[in-house]
Each structure stands twice: as structure tokens, then as C-alpha cells.
Amino acid sequence: MKTPQDDRHECNAICLGGPCHGMLTHIDQDIGILLVPVPRCSPDEPETHARYRVTRERVSYHGHAEPYVALHWADPHRSCSQAQT
């Protein structure tokens, strides 16, 4: 029987800049643009996403054996409140 823990992946990427700055996530791709869900302050807020570009850059963090893949915000000209869904 599959448990919810079977579906969890260890975080391997970190968002840099934009509305998700500092958020850890799991990615399975090496190139391209990802839509990352922006954390909501309340359940009543609409779900929004921000675009992040997968880079070759790696960010080391004390206590984590492998460096994180750096995801750079792909819409720096857009304000955080204007992130697309």
C-alpha cells in the first residue's frame, strides 16, 4: 500500500528572488521555466504561480549534503502582486 510519505521528494531546489524567495521545492527537470505555487497567507486567497528559470547554479546550505539547484525568478519586471496564475 502506498502512503503519503512515498510521494514526498526531498527538496533539491531553492527559489531566488520574486514572491517565493527562499522557498525550497523539488524539481525533476534540468532546463526550462517552472511555475511555482506562491504561498498563500490565507485559504481565501486565490492560488497564484510565479515563473522561475532552472539554472546551472548551485547553492550550498549548511546541514544539507547536496547543494540546491538555483531557480531564478523569471519575471523581475513584474511586481509580486502581479504574479500570473
PDB file of N, CA and C in Angstrom:
ATOM      1  N   MET A   1       0.843  -1.189   0.000  1.00  0.00           N
ATOM      2  CA  MET A   1       0.000   0.000   0.000  1.00  0.00           C
ATOM      3  C   MET A   1       0.887   1.252   0.000  1.00  0.00           C
ATOM      4  N   LYS A   2       0.541   2.197  -0.818  1.00  0.00           N
ATOM      5  CA  LYS A   2       1.309   3.424  -0.941  1.00  0.00           C
ATOM      6  C   LYS A   2       0.863   4.419   0.131  1.00  0.00           C
ATOM      7  N   THR A   3       1.818   5.027   0.822  1.00  0.00           N
ATOM      8  CA  THR A   3       1.496   6.020   1.844  1.00  0.00           C
ATOM      9  C   THR A   3       1.847   7.402   1.317  1.00  0.00           C
ATOM     10  N   PRO A   4       1.324   8.470   1.967  1.00  0.00           N
ATOM     11  CA  PRO A   4       1.679   9.824   1.524  1.00  0.00           C
ATOM     12  C   PRO A   4       3.185  10.070   1.557  1.00  0.00           C
ATOM     13  N   GLN A   5       3.905   9.416   2.459  1.00  0.00           N
ATOM     14  CA  GLN A   5       5.350   9.603   2.526  1.00  0.00           C
ATOM     15  C   GLN A   5       6.042   9.074   1.275  1.00  0.00           C
ATOM     16  N   ASP A   6       5.444   8.099   0.601  1.00  0.00           N
ATOM     17  CA  ASP A   6       6.026   7.564  -0.628  1.00  0.00           C
ATOM     18  C   ASP A   6       6.057   8.613  -1.735  1.00  0.00           C
ATOM     19  N   ASP A   7       5.110   9.576  -1.686  1.00  0.00           N
ATOM     20  CA  ASP A   7       5.017  10.602  -2.722  1.00  0.00           C
ATOM     21  C   ASP A   7       5.903  11.806  -2.445  1.00  0.00           C
ATOM     22  N   ARG A   8       6.427  11.915  -1.226  1.00  0.00           N
ATOM     23  CA  ARG A   8       7.254  13.071  -0.884  1.00  0.00           C
ATOM     24  C   ARG A   8       8.638  12.920  -1.484  1.00  0.00           C
ATOM     25  N   HIS A   9       9.159  14.045  -1.977  1.00  0.00           N
ATOM     26  CA  HIS A   9      10.512  14.084  -2.512  1.00  0.00           C
ATOM     27  C   HIS A   9      11.301  15.047  -1.662  1.00  0.00           C
ATOM     28  N   GLU A  10      12.550  14.747  -1.468  1.00  0.00           N
ATOM     29  CA  GLU A  10      13.404  15.682  -0.759  1.00  0.00           C
ATOM     30  C   GLU A  10      13.599  16.917  -1.623  1.00  0.00           C
ATOM     31  N   CYS A  11      13.580  18.075  -0.988  1.00  0.00           N
ATOM     32  CA  CYS A  11      13.778  19.327  -1.727  1.00  0.00           C
ATOM     33  C   CYS A  11      15.172  19.343  -2.335  1.00  0.00           C
ATOM     34  N   ASN A  12      15.260  19.760  -3.592  1.00  0.00           N
ATOM     35  CA  ASN A  12      16.549  19.823  -4.271  1.00  0.00           C
ATOM     36  C   ASN A  12      16.767  21.152  -4.986  1.00  0.00           C
ATOM     37  N   ALA A  13      15.853  22.126  -4.766  1.00  0.00           N
ATOM     38  CA  ALA A  13      15.968  23.417  -5.439  1.00  0.00           C
ATOM     39  C   ALA A  13      15.496  24.529  -4.504  1.00  0.00           C
ATOM     40  N   ILE A  14      16.036  25.730  -4.730  1.00  0.00           N
ATOM     41  CA  ILE A  14      15.650  26.893  -3.940  1.00  0.00           C
ATOM     42  C   ILE A  14      15.300  28.043  -4.886  1.00  0.00           C
ATOM     43  N   CYS A  15      14.204  28.738  -4.575  1.00  0.00           N
ATOM     44  CA  CYS A  15      13.776  29.891  -5.362  1.00  0.00           C
ATOM     45  C   CYS A  15      14.551  31.122  -4.915  1.00  0.00           C
ATOM     46  N   LEU A  16      15.069  31.872  -5.874  1.00  0.00           N
ATOM     47  CA  LEU A  16      15.819  33.090  -5.588  1.00  0.00           C
ATOM     48  C   LEU A  16      15.128  34.269  -6.254  1.00  0.00           C
ATOM     49  N   GLY A  17      14.756  35.256  -5.456  1.00  0.00           N
ATOM     50  CA  GLY A  17      14.049  36.424  -5.948  1.00  0.00           C
ATOM     51  C   GLY A  17      12.557  36.159  -6.046  1.00  0.00           C
ATOM     52  N   GLY A  18      11.812  37.223  -6.283  1.00  0.00           N
ATOM     53  CA  GLY A  18      10.376  37.099  -6.503  1.00  0.00           C
ATOM     54  C   GLY A  18       9.577  36.716  -5.276  1.00  0.00           C
ATOM     55  N   PRO A  19       8.327  36.357  -5.494  1.00  0.00           N
ATOM     56  CA  PRO A  19       7.405  36.091  -4.393  1.00  0.00           C
ATOM     57  C   PRO A  19       7.691  34.803  -3.627  1.00  0.00           C
ATOM     58  N   CYS A  20       8.494  33.914  -4.156  1.00  0.00           N
ATOM     59  CA  CYS A  20       8.809  32.645  -3.488  1.00  0.00           C
ATOM     60  C   CYS A  20      10.242  32.612  -2.971  1.00  0.00           C
ATOM     61  N   HIS A  21      10.896  33.773  -2.875  1.00  0.00           N
ATOM     62  CA  HIS A  21      12.313  33.834  -2.491  1.00  0.00           C
ATOM     63  C   HIS A  21      12.590  33.026  -1.226  1.00  0.00           C
ATOM     64  N   GLY A  22      13.559  32.128  -1.335  1.00  0.00           N
ATOM     65  CA  GLY A  22      13.968  31.308  -0.201  1.00  0.00           C
ATOM     66  C   GLY A  22      13.176  30.023  -0.030  1.00  0.00           C
ATOM     67  N   MET A  23      12.118  29.841  -0.801  1.00  0.00           N
ATOM     68  CA  MET A  23      11.300  28.640  -0.692  1.00  0.00           C
ATOM     69  C   MET A  23      12.024  27.450  -1.310  1.00  0.00           C
ATOM     70  N   LEU A  24      12.000  26.324  -0.614  1.00  0.00           N
ATOM     71  CA  LEU A  24      12.583  25.089  -1.124  1.00  0.00           C
ATOM     72  C   LEU A  24      11.516  24.279  -1.830  1.00  0.00           C
ATOM     73  N   THR A  25      11.907  23.595  -2.889  1.00  0.00           N
ATOM     74  CA  THR A  25      10.976  22.773  -3.649  1.00  0.00           C
ATOM     75  C   THR A  25      11.730  21.601  -4.263  1.00  0.00           C
ATOM     76  N   HIS A  26      11.001  20.699  -4.876  1.00  0.00           N
ATOM     77  CA  HIS A  26      11.612  19.560  -5.576  1.00  0.00           C
ATOM     78  C   HIS A  26      11.348  19.734  -7.068  1.00  0.00           C
ATOM     79  N   ILE A  27      12.406  19.562  -7.879  1.00  0.00           N
ATOM     80  CA  ILE A  27      12.250  19.622  -9.329  1.00  0.00           C
ATOM     81  C   ILE A  27      12.823  18.359  -9.944  1.00  0.00           C
ATOM     82  N   ASP A  28      12.315  18.021 -11.123  1.00  0.00           N
ATOM     83  CA  ASP A  28      12.772  16.840 -11.855  1.00  0.00           C
ATOM     84  C   ASP A  28      13.298  17.199 -13.234  1.00  0.00           C
ATOM     85  N   GLN A  29      13.493  18.487 -13.521  1.00  0.00           N
ATOM     86  CA  GLN A  29      13.961  18.861 -14.849  1.00  0.00           C
ATOM     87  C   GLN A  29      15.248  19.674 -14.743  1.00  0.00           C
ATOM     88  N   ASP A  30      16.028  19.640 -15.817  1.00  0.00           N
ATOM     89  CA  ASP A  30      17.338  20.291 -15.836  1.00  0.00           C
ATOM     90  C   ASP A  30      17.324  21.660 -16.511  1.00  0.00           C
ATOM     91  N   ILE A  31      16.340  21.916 -17.371  1.00  0.00           N
ATOM     92  CA  ILE A  31      16.278  23.196 -18.084  1.00  0.00           C
ATOM     93  C   ILE A  31      14.837  23.660 -18.145  1.00  0.00           C
ATOM     94  N   GLY A  32      14.664  24.948 -18.433  1.00  0.00           N
ATOM     95  CA  GLY A  32      13.328  25.460 -18.668  1.00  0.00           C
ATOM     96  C   GLY A  32      12.815  26.384 -17.591  1.00  0.00           C
ATOM     97  N   ILE A  33      11.529  26.686 -17.711  1.00  0.00           N
ATOM     98  CA  ILE A  33      10.812  27.560 -16.801  1.00  0.00           C
ATOM     99  C   ILE A  33       9.794  26.715 -16.034  1.00  0.00           C
ATOM    100  N   LEU A  34       9.704  26.960 -14.741  1.00  0.00           N
ATOM    101  CA  LEU A  34       8.744  26.260 -13.887  1.00  0.00           C
ATOM    102  C   LEU A  34       7.722  27.246 -13.350  1.00  0.00           C
ATOM    103  N   LEU A  35       6.509  26.792 -13.117  1.00  0.00           N
ATOM    104  CA  LEU A  35       5.517  27.571 -12.393  1.00  0.00           C
ATOM    105  C   LEU A  35       5.519  27.061 -10.964  1.00  0.00           C
ATOM    106  N   VAL A  36       5.916  27.935 -10.037  1.00  0.00           N
ATOM    107  CA  VAL A  36       5.998  27.574  -8.621  1.00  0.00           C
ATOM    108  C   VAL A  36       4.807  28.196  -7.906  1.00  0.00           C
ATOM    109  N   PRO A  37       4.036  27.399  -7.128  1.00  0.00           N
ATOM    110  CA  PRO A  37       2.905  27.968  -6.402  1.00  0.00           C
ATOM    111  C   PRO A  37       3.397  28.981  -5.358  1.00  0.00           C
ATOM    112  N   VAL A  38       2.799  30.164  -5.367  1.00  0.00           N
ATOM    113  CA  VAL A  38       3.145  31.200  -4.386  1.00  0.00           C
ATOM    114  C   VAL A  38       2.403  30.874  -3.087  1.00  0.00           C
ATOM    115  N   PRO A  39       3.129  30.834  -1.964  1.00  0.00           N
ATOM    116  CA  PRO A  39       2.459  30.548  -0.685  1.00  0.00           C
ATOM    117  C   PRO A  39       1.361  31.579  -0.408  1.00  0.00           C
ATOM    118  N   ARG A  40       0.220  31.079   0.054  1.00  0.00           N
ATOM    119  CA  ARG A  40      -0.909  31.953   0.373  1.00  0.00           C
ATOM    120  C   ARG A  40      -0.883  32.299   1.859  1.00  0.00           C
ATOM    121  N   CYS A  41      -1.313  33.498   2.178  1.00  0.00           N
ATOM    122  CA  CYS A  41      -1.399  33.927   3.577  1.00  0.00           C
ATOM    123  C   CYS A  41      -2.665  33.403   4.238  1.00  0.00           C
ATOM    124  N   SER A  42      -3.686  33.114   3.426  1.00  0.00           N
ATOM    125  CA  SER A  42      -4.934  32.553   3.953  1.00  0.00           C
ATOM    126  C   SER A  42      -5.553  31.660   2.888  1.00  0.00           C
ATOM    127  N   PRO A  43      -6.383  30.708   3.305  1.00  0.00           N
ATOM    128  CA  PRO A  43      -7.023  29.818   2.324  1.00  0.00           C
ATOM    129  C   PRO A  43      -7.976  30.550   1.385  1.00  0.00           C
ATOM    130  N   ASP A  44      -8.395  31.766   1.762  1.00  0.00           N
ATOM    131  CA  ASP A  44      -9.323  32.536   0.917  1.00  0.00           C
ATOM    132  C   ASP A  44      -8.630  33.206  -0.264  1.00  0.00           C
ATOM    133  N   GLU A  45      -7.321  33.339  -0.197  1.00  0.00           N
ATOM    134  CA  GLU A  45      -6.587  33.969  -1.299  1.00  0.00           C
ATOM    135  C   GLU A  45      -6.602  33.056  -2.517  1.00  0.00           C
ATOM    136  N   PRO A  46      -6.689  33.652  -3.713  1.00  0.00           N
ATOM    137  CA  PRO A  46      -6.638  32.815  -4.920  1.00  0.00           C
ATOM    138  C   PRO A  46      -5.239  32.212  -5.088  1.00  0.00           C
ATOM    139  N   GLU A  47      -5.184  31.048  -5.699  1.00  0.00           N
ATOM    140  CA  GLU A  47      -3.897  30.399  -5.958  1.00  0.00           C
ATOM    141  C   GLU A  47      -3.207  31.120  -7.106  1.00  0.00           C
ATOM    142  N   THR A  48      -1.937  31.466  -6.905  1.00  0.00           N
ATOM    143  CA  THR A  48      -1.154  32.098  -7.948  1.00  0.00           C
ATOM    144  C   THR A  48       0.161  31.349  -8.107  1.00  0.00           C
ATOM    145  N   HIS A  49       0.808  31.566  -9.221  1.00  0.00           N
ATOM    146  CA  HIS A  49       2.088  30.932  -9.509  1.00  0.00           C
ATOM    147  C   HIS A  49       3.072  31.985  -9.994  1.00  0.00           C
ATOM    148  N   ALA A  50       4.343  31.736  -9.727  1.00  0.00           N
ATOM    149  CA  ALA A  50       5.403  32.605 -10.231  1.00  0.00           C
ATOM    150  C   ALA A  50       6.305  31.773 -11.125  1.00  0.00           C
ATOM    151  N   ARG A  51       6.848  32.402 -12.161  1.00  0.00           N
ATOM    152  CA  ARG A  51       7.723  31.705 -13.103  1.00  0.00           C
ATOM    153  C   ARG A  51       9.166  31.773 -12.609  1.00  0.00           C
ATOM    154  N   TYR A  52       9.811  30.611 -12.555  1.00  0.00           N
ATOM    155  CA  TYR A  52      11.223  30.512 -12.159  1.00  0.00           C
ATOM    156  C   TYR A  52      11.987  29.721 -13.204  1.00  0.00           C
ATOM    157  N   ARG A  53      13.197  30.197 -13.512  1.00  0.00           N
ATOM    158  CA  ARG A  53      14.054  29.565 -14.518  1.00  0.00           C
ATOM    159  C   ARG A  53      15.038  28.624 -13.820  1.00  0.00           C
ATOM    160  N   VAL A  54      15.128  27.392 -14.310  1.00  0.00           N
ATOM    161  CA  VAL A  54      16.112  26.427 -13.804  1.00  0.00           C
ATOM    162  C   VAL A  54      17.485  26.871 -14.300  1.00  0.00           C
ATOM    163  N   THR A  55      18.482  26.926 -13.405  1.00  0.00           N
ATOM    164  CA  THR A  55      19.825  27.341 -13.791  1.00  0.00           C
ATOM    165  C   THR A  55      20.830  26.243 -13.452  1.00  0.00           C
ATOM    166  N   ARG A  56      22.052  26.439 -13.913  1.00  0.00           N
ATOM    167  CA  ARG A  56      23.137  25.513 -13.557  1.00  0.00           C
ATOM    168  C   ARG A  56      23.750  25.861 -12.211  1.00  0.00           C
ATOM    169  N   GLU A  57      23.384  27.033 -11.697  1.00  0.00           N
ATOM    170  CA  GLU A  57      23.929  27.489 -10.420  1.00  0.00           C
ATOM    171  C   GLU A  57      23.471  26.568  -9.281  1.00  0.00           C
ATOM    172  N   ARG A  58      24.354  26.332  -8.331  1.00  0.00           N
ATOM    173  CA  ARG A  58      24.045  25.523  -7.154  1.00  0.00           C
ATOM    174  C   ARG A  58      24.315  26.355  -5.911  1.00  0.00           C
ATOM    175  N   VAL A  59      23.465  26.184  -4.907  1.00  0.00           N
ATOM    176  CA  VAL A  59      23.582  26.932  -3.667  1.00  0.00           C
ATOM    177  C   VAL A  59      23.772  25.944  -2.531  1.00  0.00           C
ATOM    178  N   SER A  60      24.912  26.027  -1.843  1.00  0.00           N
ATOM    179  CA  SER A  60      25.184  25.147  -0.701  1.00  0.00           C
ATOM    180  C   SER A  60      24.529  25.710   0.544  1.00  0.00           C
ATOM    181  N   TYR A  61      24.086  24.810   1.408  1.00  0.00           N
ATOM    182  CA  TYR A  61      23.472  25.217   2.660  1.00  0.00           C
ATOM    183  C   TYR A  61      23.985  24.305   3.761  1.00  0.00           C
ATOM    184  N   HIS A  62      24.432  24.903   4.837  1.00  0.00           N
ATOM    185  CA  HIS A  62      24.960  24.141   5.971  1.00  0.00           C
ATOM    186  C   HIS A  62      23.912  23.133   6.459  1.00  0.00           C
ATOM    187  N   GLY A  63      24.328  21.911   6.635  1.00  0.00           N
ATOM    188  CA  GLY A  63      23.429  20.877   7.117  1.00  0.00           C
ATOM    189  C   GLY A  63      22.746  20.077   6.016  1.00  0.00           C
ATOM    190  N   HIS A  64      22.948  20.460   4.776  1.00  0.00           N
ATOM    191  CA  HIS A  64      22.364  19.729   3.651  1.00  0.00           C
ATOM    192  C   HIS A  64      23.517  19.204   2.806  1.00  0.00           C
ATOM    193  N   ALA A  65      23.573  17.901   2.606  1.00  0.00           N
ATOM    194  CA  ALA A  65      24.719  17.267   1.941  1.00  0.00           C
ATOM    195  C   ALA A  65      24.905  17.732   0.497  1.00  0.00           C
ATOM    196  N   GLU A  66      23.833  17.839  -0.257  1.00  0.00           N
ATOM    197  CA  GLU A  66      23.905  18.220  -1.672  1.00  0.00           C
ATOM    198  C   GLU A  66      23.506  19.683  -1.839  1.00  0.00           C
ATOM    199  N   PRO A  67      24.158  20.421  -2.745  1.00  0.00           N
ATOM    200  CA  PRO A  67      23.733  21.799  -2.992  1.00  0.00           C
ATOM    201  C   PRO A  67      22.380  21.832  -3.715  1.00  0.00           C
ATOM    202  N   TYR A  68      21.648  22.913  -3.495  1.00  0.00           N
ATOM    203  CA  TYR A  68      20.352  23.096  -4.131  1.00  0.00           C
ATOM    204  C   TYR A  68      20.526  23.692  -5.528  1.00  0.00           C
ATOM    205  N   VAL A  69      19.641  23.314  -6.442  1.00  0.00           N
ATOM    206  CA  VAL A  69      19.572  23.937  -7.766  1.00  0.00           C
ATOM    207  C   VAL A  69      18.974  25.329  -7.560  1.00  0.00           C
ATOM    208  N   ALA A  70      19.598  26.361  -8.126  1.00  0.00           N
ATOM    209  CA  ALA A  70      19.087  27.723  -8.007  1.00  0.00           C
ATOM    210  C   ALA A  70      18.023  27.964  -9.065  1.00  0.00           C
ATOM    211  N   LEU A  71      16.847  28.367  -8.623  1.00  0.00           N
ATOM    212  CA  LEU A  71      15.755  28.746  -9.511  1.00  0.00           C
ATOM    213  C   LEU A  71      15.636  30.264  -9.443  1.00  0.00           C
ATOM    214  N   HIS A  72      15.914  30.950 -10.539  1.00  0.00           N
ATOM    215  CA  HIS A  72      15.856  32.404 -10.547  1.00  0.00           C
ATOM    216  C   HIS A  72      14.510  32.882 -11.070  1.00  0.00           C
ATOM    217  N   TRP A  73      13.961  33.888 -10.398  1.00  0.00           N
ATOM    218  CA  TRP A  73      12.678  34.454 -10.777  1.00  0.00           C
ATOM    219  C   TRP A  73      12.747  34.929 -12.216  1.00  0.00           C
ATOM    220  N   ALA A  74      11.814  34.501 -13.040  1.00  0.00           N
ATOM    221  CA  ALA A  74      11.834  34.794 -14.476  1.00  0.00           C
ATOM    222  C   ALA A  74      11.061  36.055 -14.836  1.00  0.00           C
ATOM    223  N   ASP A  75      10.402  36.697 -13.878  1.00  0.00           N
ATOM    224  CA  ASP A  75       9.613  37.899 -14.159  1.00  0.00           C
ATOM    225  C   ASP A  75      10.044  39.062 -13.269  1.00  0.00           C
ATOM    226  N   PRO A  76      11.322  39.443 -13.273  1.00  0.00           N
ATOM    227  CA  PRO A  76      11.756  40.500 -12.355  1.00  0.00           C
ATOM    228  C   PRO A  76      11.135  41.865 -12.647  1.00  0.00           C
ATOM    229  N   HIS A  77      10.613  42.066 -13.840  1.00  0.00           N
ATOM    230  CA  HIS A  77       9.973  43.339 -14.184  1.00  0.00           C
ATOM    231  C   HIS A  77       8.564  43.442 -13.619  1.00  0.00           C
ATOM    232  N   ARG A  78       8.026  42.339 -13.157  1.00  0.00           N
ATOM    233  CA  ARG A  78       6.660  42.270 -12.673  1.00  0.00           C
ATOM    234  C   ARG A  78       6.676  42.319 -11.139  1.00  0.00           C
ATOM    235  N   SER A  79       5.764  43.036 -10.523  1.00  0.00           N
ATOM    236  CA  SER A  79       5.733  43.074  -9.060  1.00  0.00           C
ATOM    237  C   SER A  79       5.177  41.763  -8.523  1.00  0.00           C
ATOM    238  N   CYS A  80       5.428  41.494  -7.265  1.00  0.00           N
ATOM    239  CA  CYS A  80       4.978  40.236  -6.644  1.00  0.00           C
ATOM    240  C   CYS A  80       3.469  40.087  -6.719  1.00  0.00           C
ATOM    241  N   SER A  81       2.735  41.181  -6.583  1.00  0.00           N
ATOM    242  CA  SER A  81       1.279  41.094  -6.592  1.00  0.00           C
ATOM    243  C   SER A  81       0.725  40.794  -7.989  1.00  0.00           C
ATOM    244  N   GLN A  82       1.560  40.875  -9.018  1.00  0.00           N
ATOM    245  CA  GLN A  82       1.100  40.631 -10.369  1.00  0.00           C
ATOM    246  C   GLN A  82       1.513  39.270 -10.904  1.00  0.00           C
ATOM    247  N   ALA A  83       1.970  38.341 -10.024  1.00  0.00           N
ATOM    248  CA  ALA A  83       2.381  37.007 -10.480  1.00  0.00           C
ATOM    249  C   ALA A  83       1.226  36.339 -11.194  1.00  0.00           C
ATOM    250  N   GLN A  84       1.517  35.688 -12.299  1.00  0.00           N
ATOM    251  CA  GLN A  84       0.476  35.051 -13.106  1.00  0.00           C
ATOM    252  C   GLN A  84       0.059  33.729 -12.509  1.00  0.00           C
ATOM    253  N   THR A  85      -1.171  33.324 -12.799  1.00  0.00           N
ATOM    254  CA  THR A  85      -1.674  32.010 -12.392  1.00  0.00           C
ATOM    255  C   THR A  85      -1.468  31.042 -13.503  1.00  0.00           C
TER     256      THR A  85
END
